[in-house]
C-alpha atoms as a PDB file:
ATOM      1  CA  UNK A   1       0.000   0.000   0.000  1.00  0.00           C
ATOM      2  CA  UNK A   2       1.310   3.417  -0.911  1.00  0.00           C
ATOM      3  CA  UNK A   3       0.853   6.807   0.720  1.00  0.00           C
ATOM      4  CA  UNK A   4      -1.739   7.841  -1.883  1.00  0.00           C
ATOM      5  CA  UNK A   5      -3.870   4.782  -1.053  1.00  0.00           C
ATOM      6  CA  UNK A   6      -4.123   5.477   2.689  1.00  0.00           C
ATOM      7  CA  UNK A   7      -7.131   7.339   4.062  1.00  0.00           C
ATOM      8  CA  UNK A   8      -7.842   8.513   7.602  1.00  0.00           C
ATOM      9  CA  UNK A   9     -10.167   6.088   9.367  1.00  0.00           C
ATOM     10  CA  UNK A  10      -9.107   3.014   7.394  1.00  0.00           C
ATOM     11  CA  UNK A  11      -8.866  -0.137   9.522  1.00  0.00           C
ATOM     12  CA  UNK A  12      -6.566  -3.031   8.712  1.00  0.00           C
ATOM     13  CA  UNK A  13      -6.740  -6.467  10.350  1.00  0.00           C
ATOM     14  CA  UNK A  14      -4.180  -9.247  10.096  1.00  0.00           C
ATOM     15  CA  UNK A  15      -6.597 -12.060  10.781  1.00  0.00           C
ATOM     16  CA  UNK A  16      -4.268 -14.897   9.794  1.00  0.00           C
ATOM     17  CA  UNK A  17      -2.261 -14.302  12.951  1.00  0.00           C
ATOM     18  CA  UNK A  18       1.104 -15.684  13.997  1.00  0.00           C
ATOM     19  CA  UNK A  19       1.895 -18.416  16.504  1.00  0.00           C
ATOM     20  CA  UNK A  20       4.864 -17.619  18.746  1.00  0.00           C
ATOM     21  CA  UNK A  21       7.177 -20.577  19.296  1.00  0.00           C
ATOM     22  CA  UNK A  22       9.678 -21.286  22.014  1.00  0.00           C
ATOM     23  CA  UNK A  23      12.411 -21.498  19.377  1.00  0.00           C
ATOM     24  CA  UNK A  24      11.602 -17.952  18.222  1.00  0.00           C
ATOM     25  CA  UNK A  25      11.792 -16.673  21.783  1.00  0.00           C
ATOM     26  CA  UNK A  26      15.178 -18.380  22.247  1.00  0.00           C
ATOM     27  CA  UNK A  27      16.552 -16.946  19.019  1.00  0.00           C
ATOM     28  CA  UNK A  28      15.249 -13.406  19.522  1.00  0.00           C
ATOM     29  CA  UNK A  29      16.402 -13.301  23.133  1.00  0.00           C
ATOM     30  CA  UNK A  30      19.900 -14.436  22.221  1.00  0.00           C
ATOM     31  CA  UNK A  31      20.288 -12.282  19.079  1.00  0.00           C
ATOM     32  CA  UNK A  32      19.041  -9.133  20.825  1.00  0.00           C
ATOM     33  CA  UNK A  33      20.959  -9.606  24.073  1.00  0.00           C
ATOM     34  CA  UNK A  34      17.688 -10.138  25.946  1.00  0.00           C
ATOM     35  CA  UNK A  35      18.840 -13.593  27.019  1.00  0.00           C
ATOM     36  CA  UNK A  36      17.339 -13.077  30.456  1.00  0.00           C
ATOM     37  CA  UNK A  37      15.935 -15.809  32.695  1.00  0.00           C
ATOM     38  CA  UNK A  38      12.288 -14.741  32.376  1.00  0.00           C
ATOM     39  CA  UNK A  39      12.486 -15.188  28.610  1.00  0.00           C
ATOM     40  CA  UNK A  40      14.507 -18.406  28.558  1.00  0.00           C
ATOM     41  CA  UNK A  41      13.681 -20.341  31.727  1.00  0.00           C
ATOM     42  CA  UNK A  42      10.094 -21.421  32.418  1.00  0.00           C
ATOM     43  CA  UNK A  43      10.861 -22.127  36.092  1.00  0.00           C
ATOM     44  CA  UNK A  44      12.139 -18.598  36.665  1.00  0.00           C
ATOM     45  CA  UNK A  45       9.125 -17.111  34.859  1.00  0.00           C
ATOM     46  CA  UNK A  46       6.792 -19.278  36.965  1.00  0.00           C
ATOM     47  CA  UNK A  47       8.531 -18.095  40.147  1.00  0.00           C
ATOM     48  CA  UNK A  48       7.706 -14.541  39.027  1.00  0.00           C
ATOM     49  CA  UNK A  49       4.018 -15.492  38.692  1.00  0.00           C
ATOM     50  CA  UNK A  50       3.785 -16.260  34.960  1.00  0.00           C
ATOM     51  CA  UNK A  51       2.457 -19.562  33.628  1.00  0.00           C
ATOM     52  CA  UNK A  52       5.462 -20.005  31.318  1.00  0.00           C
ATOM     53  CA  UNK A  53       8.398 -18.029  29.978  1.00  0.00           C
ATOM     54  CA  UNK A  54       7.527 -14.719  28.362  1.00  0.00           C
ATOM     55  CA  UNK A  55       8.111 -13.391  24.842  1.00  0.00           C
ATOM     56  CA  UNK A  56      10.174 -10.154  24.791  1.00  0.00           C
ATOM     57  CA  UNK A  57       7.844  -7.191  24.194  1.00  0.00           C
ATOM     58  CA  UNK A  58       9.971  -5.722  21.379  1.00  0.00           C
ATOM     59  CA  UNK A  59       9.555  -8.993  19.479  1.00  0.00           C
ATOM     60  CA  UNK A  60       5.773  -8.832  19.826  1.00  0.00           C
ATOM     61  CA  UNK A  61       5.938  -5.293  18.421  1.00  0.00           C
ATOM     62  CA  UNK A  62       8.098  -6.515  15.521  1.00  0.00           C
ATOM     63  CA  UNK A  63       5.573  -9.275  14.827  1.00  0.00           C
ATOM     64  CA  UNK A  64       2.823  -6.635  14.622  1.00  0.00           C
ATOM     65  CA  UNK A  65       4.802  -4.827  11.914  1.00  0.00           C
ATOM     66  CA  UNK A  66       5.292  -8.116  10.072  1.00  0.00           C
ATOM     67  CA  UNK A  67       1.623  -9.049  10.289  1.00  0.00           C
ATOM     68  CA  UNK A  68       0.585  -5.627   9.016  1.00  0.00           C
ATOM     69  CA  UNK A  69       3.144  -5.773   6.177  1.00  0.00           C
ATOM     70  CA  UNK A  70       1.948  -9.218   5.045  1.00  0.00           C
ATOM     71  CA  UNK A  71      -1.616  -7.940   5.196  1.00  0.00           C
ATOM     72  CA  UNK A  72      -0.566  -5.103   2.862  1.00  0.00           C
ATOM     73  CA  UNK A  73      -0.852  -2.068   5.115  1.00  0.00           C
ATOM     74  CA  UNK A  74       2.851  -1.583   5.973  1.00  0.00           C
ATOM     75  CA  UNK A  75       4.276  -3.297   2.891  1.00  0.00           C
ATOM     76  CA  UNK A  76       5.802  -0.050   1.546  1.00  0.00           C
ATOM     77  CA  UNK A  77       6.573   1.744   4.788  1.00  0.00           C
ATOM     78  CA  UNK A  78       9.481   2.372   7.149  1.00  0.00           C
ATOM     79  CA  UNK A  79       8.927   2.796  10.876  1.00  0.00           C
ATOM     80  CA  UNK A  80       9.605   6.313  12.185  1.00  0.00           C
ATOM     81  CA  UNK A  81       8.572   5.989  15.827  1.00  0.00           C
ATOM     82  CA  UNK A  82       5.873   5.277  18.341  1.00  0.00           C
ATOM     83  CA  UNK A  83       4.267   6.714  21.419  1.00  0.00           C
ATOM     84  CA  UNK A  84       1.962   5.515  24.139  1.00  0.00           C
ATOM     85  CA  UNK A  85       3.092   1.901  23.731  1.00  0.00           C
ATOM     86  CA  UNK A  86       1.612  -0.146  26.531  1.00  0.00           C
ATOM     87  CA  UNK A  87       2.227  -3.822  27.224  1.00  0.00           C
ATOM     88  CA  UNK A  88      -0.964  -5.200  28.746  1.00  0.00           C
ATOM     89  CA  UNK A  89      -0.449  -8.987  28.913  1.00  0.00           C
ATOM     90  CA  UNK A  90       2.399 -11.415  28.310  1.00  0.00           C
ATOM     91  CA  UNK A  91       2.741 -13.682  25.293  1.00  0.00           C
ATOM     92  CA  UNK A  92       3.770 -17.274  25.991  1.00  0.00           C
ATOM     93  CA  UNK A  93       5.104 -20.006  23.705  1.00  0.00           C
ATOM     94  CA  UNK A  94       2.208 -21.397  21.678  1.00  0.00           C
ATOM     95  CA  UNK A  95       0.122 -18.219  21.834  1.00  0.00           C
ATOM     96  CA  UNK A  96      -1.235 -16.934  18.537  1.00  0.00           C
ATOM     97  CA  UNK A  97      -1.282 -13.172  18.055  1.00  0.00           C
ATOM     98  CA  UNK A  98      -3.360 -10.983  15.763  1.00  0.00           C
ATOM     99  CA  UNK A  99      -2.878  -7.325  14.834  1.00  0.00           C
ATOM    100  CA  UNK A 100      -5.144  -4.440  13.920  1.00  0.00           C
ATOM    101  CA  UNK A 101      -4.395  -0.850  12.903  1.00  0.00           C
ATOM    102  CA  UNK A 102      -6.541   2.247  12.357  1.00  0.00           C
ATOM    103  CA  UNK A 103      -5.204   5.255  10.451  1.00  0.00           C
ATOM    104  CA  UNK A 104      -5.377   8.418  12.556  1.00  0.00           C
ATOM    105  CA  UNK A 105      -3.671  11.008  10.348  1.00  0.00           C
ATOM    106  CA  UNK A 106      -1.500  11.635   7.325  1.00  0.00           C
ATOM    107  CA  UNK A 107       1.361  14.114   7.349  1.00  0.00           C
ATOM    108  CA  UNK A 108       2.446  16.396   4.559  1.00  0.00           C
ATOM    109  CA  UNK A 109       3.668  14.500   1.494  1.00  0.00           C
ATOM    110  CA  UNK A 110       7.409  14.397   0.825  1.00  0.00           C
ATOM    111  CA  UNK A 111       9.101  13.014  -2.309  1.00  0.00           C
ATOM    112  CA  UNK A 112       5.844  11.360  -3.361  1.00  0.00           C
ATOM    113  CA  UNK A 113       5.235   9.585  -0.045  1.00  0.00           C
ATOM    114  CA  UNK A 114       4.655  10.767   3.494  1.00  0.00           C
ATOM    115  CA  UNK A 115       4.118   9.934   7.154  1.00  0.00           C
ATOM    116  CA  UNK A 116       1.056   8.024   8.325  1.00  0.00           C
ATOM    117  CA  UNK A 117       0.106   7.753  12.000  1.00  0.00           C
ATOM    118  CA  UNK A 118      -2.031   4.849  13.183  1.00  0.00           C
ATOM    119  CA  UNK A 119      -3.292   3.248  16.386  1.00  0.00           C
ATOM    120  CA  UNK A 120      -2.431  -0.432  16.709  1.00  0.00           C
ATOM    121  CA  UNK A 121      -3.467  -3.312  18.914  1.00  0.00           C
ATOM    122  CA  UNK A 122      -2.153  -6.844  19.237  1.00  0.00           C
ATOM    123  CA  UNK A 123      -4.429  -9.471  20.776  1.00  0.00           C
ATOM    124  CA  UNK A 124      -3.988 -13.163  21.477  1.00  0.00           C
ATOM    125  CA  UNK A 125      -6.090 -16.150  20.419  1.00  0.00           C
ATOM    126  CA  UNK A 126      -8.532 -15.421  23.260  1.00  0.00           C
ATOM    127  CA  UNK A 127      -9.027 -11.787  22.217  1.00  0.00           C
ATOM    128  CA  UNK A 128      -6.982 -10.553  25.187  1.00  0.00           C
ATOM    129  CA  UNK A 129      -5.177  -7.261  24.569  1.00  0.00           C
ATOM    130  CA  UNK A 130      -1.407  -7.797  24.530  1.00  0.00           C
ATOM    131  CA  UNK A 131       0.066  -4.493  23.370  1.00  0.00           C
ATOM    132  CA  UNK A 132      -1.290  -1.215  22.032  1.00  0.00           C
ATOM    133  CA  UNK A 133       0.062   2.127  20.972  1.00  0.00           C
ATOM    134  CA  UNK A 134       0.318   4.793  18.316  1.00  0.00           C
ATOM    135  CA  UNK A 135       2.934   4.525  15.598  1.00  0.00           C
ATOM    136  CA  UNK A 136       4.093   6.552  12.622  1.00  0.00           C
ATOM    137  CA  UNK A 137       5.591   5.112   9.454  1.00  0.00           C
ATOM    138  CA  UNK A 138       6.933   6.806   6.363  1.00  0.00           C
ATOM    139  CA  UNK A 139       5.010   5.405   3.412  1.00  0.00           C
ATOM    140  CA  UNK A 140       6.503   5.330  -0.062  1.00  0.00           C
ATOM    141  CA  UNK A 141       4.713   7.103  -2.870  1.00  0.00           C
ATOM    142  CA  UNK A 142       3.259   5.160  -5.745  1.00  0.00           C
ATOM    143  CA  UNK A 143       5.930   4.603  -8.422  1.00  0.00           C
END
């Protein structure tokens, strides 16, 4: 989707979702330096009150971008920043996440494209809110 195709109020849903695996958590935690006990050791996470080890929040956010790109919304965009990001619930191995975005505003066009600000939510297979926030991406203009 290009900047010219985006309209304020549009809603995009990535209904196919993505299942988070323990192997992904291991890999992301180790590659990012977040190789902390709560992400890698179920017993430690359970001692902290979780039912299993937890997926790093930044990875859940990255999955939202991926889900939205595969759905078409962010397929021609580069992330510029976010605000009001709030982690509401943990994601555990085996959870399936879904993403939704609503366009809030478009900035002034630049070089054929321009910034688009949207509200996003990620929910799990039970409809429980996982993460939400407001993000801005620079969308490419139509070639």
